Amino acid sequence: MRNRLIGYLAAFLIIASALEGCAVVNTMVCLKYETGQKAAKNNCISDVTGNDLCDELKWHKELAVGCLSAWLALPF
């Protein structure tokens, strides 16, 4: 039972880490194309959604690294 639970948790953490990696790439593309041509280099506010893309990028990076670190800490 314990091994099955650890296996499910490991699979979940790997999938979550991969999805967060995709979210990092998506946010970087949004940062490039949604901030406008006339925007300054430090402008992170999206013209489309109004979200701060730099904060979202930081959050997704931390979550991806956290999921991967938690996977590495599992007792196999």
Protein backbone atom coordinates (compact mmCIF):
# COMPACT_ATOMS: atom_id res chain seq x y z
CA MET A 1 0.00 0.00 0.00
CA ARG A 2 2.80 2.43 0.94
CA ASN A 3 4.73 1.73 -2.27
CA ARG A 4 1.64 2.33 -4.38
CA LEU A 5 1.00 5.66 -2.66
CA ILE A 6 4.61 6.74 -3.18
CA GLY A 7 4.34 5.72 -6.84
CA TYR A 8 1.18 7.78 -7.36
CA LEU A 9 2.74 10.75 -5.59
CA ALA A 10 5.89 10.46 -7.70
CA ALA A 11 3.85 10.35 -10.91
CA PHE A 12 1.80 13.35 -9.79
CA LEU A 13 4.90 15.39 -8.94
CA ILE A 14 6.61 14.59 -12.25
CA ILE A 15 3.48 15.53 -14.22
CA ALA A 16 3.01 18.71 -12.18
CA SER A 17 6.64 19.68 -12.73
CA ALA A 18 6.33 19.13 -16.49
CA LEU A 19 3.12 21.16 -16.66
CA GLU A 20 4.69 23.99 -14.71
CA GLY A 21 7.64 23.90 -17.10
CA CYS A 22 5.19 24.38 -19.95
CA ALA A 23 3.57 27.24 -18.02
CA VAL A 24 6.99 28.91 -17.71
CA VAL A 25 7.47 28.76 -21.49
CA ASN A 26 3.93 30.01 -22.10
CA THR A 27 4.39 32.93 -19.71
CA MET A 28 7.68 33.86 -21.37
CA VAL A 29 5.96 33.94 -24.77
CA CYS A 30 3.17 36.07 -23.30
CA LEU A 31 5.78 38.37 -21.80
CA LYS A 32 7.32 38.87 -25.21
CA TYR A 33 4.16 39.41 -27.25
CA GLU A 34 1.58 40.85 -24.83
CA THR A 35 3.54 43.75 -23.37
CA GLY A 36 3.46 45.81 -26.54
CA GLN A 37 6.16 47.23 -28.79
CA LYS A 38 6.26 50.64 -27.13
CA ALA A 39 6.68 49.20 -23.65
CA ALA A 40 9.86 49.63 -21.68
CA LYS A 41 12.07 46.63 -20.98
CA ASN A 42 10.95 46.39 -17.34
CA ASN A 43 7.24 46.55 -18.14
CA CYS A 44 5.60 43.27 -17.14
CA ILE A 45 1.89 44.16 -17.35
CA SER A 46 0.01 42.30 -20.08
CA ASP A 47 -2.01 44.43 -22.51
CA VAL A 48 -4.47 41.56 -22.98
CA THR A 49 -5.23 40.40 -19.44
CA GLY A 50 -3.72 43.11 -17.26
CA ASN A 51 -1.81 40.54 -15.17
CA ASP A 52 1.75 41.07 -13.97
CA LEU A 53 3.58 38.49 -16.07
CA CYS A 54 6.86 38.77 -14.14
CA ASP A 55 5.11 37.65 -10.95
CA GLU A 56 3.43 34.78 -12.78
CA LEU A 57 6.75 33.72 -14.31
CA LYS A 58 8.42 33.73 -10.89
CA TRP A 59 5.55 31.72 -9.39
CA HIS A 60 5.62 29.05 -12.12
CA LYS A 61 9.41 28.68 -11.88
CA GLU A 62 9.27 28.24 -8.11
CA LEU A 63 6.45 25.73 -8.35
CA ALA A 64 8.24 23.67 -11.03
CA VAL A 65 11.43 23.54 -8.99
CA GLY A 66 9.45 22.75 -5.83
CA CYS A 67 7.64 19.81 -7.44
CA LEU A 68 10.88 18.44 -8.82
CA SER A 69 12.60 18.82 -5.46
CA ALA A 70 9.74 17.06 -3.70
CA TRP A 71 10.00 14.21 -6.22
CA LEU A 72 13.72 13.88 -5.54
CA ALA A 73 13.06 13.77 -1.80
CA LEU A 74 10.70 10.78 -2.04
CA PRO A 75 11.99 7.56 -0.49
CA PHE A 76 12.29 4.99 -3.27
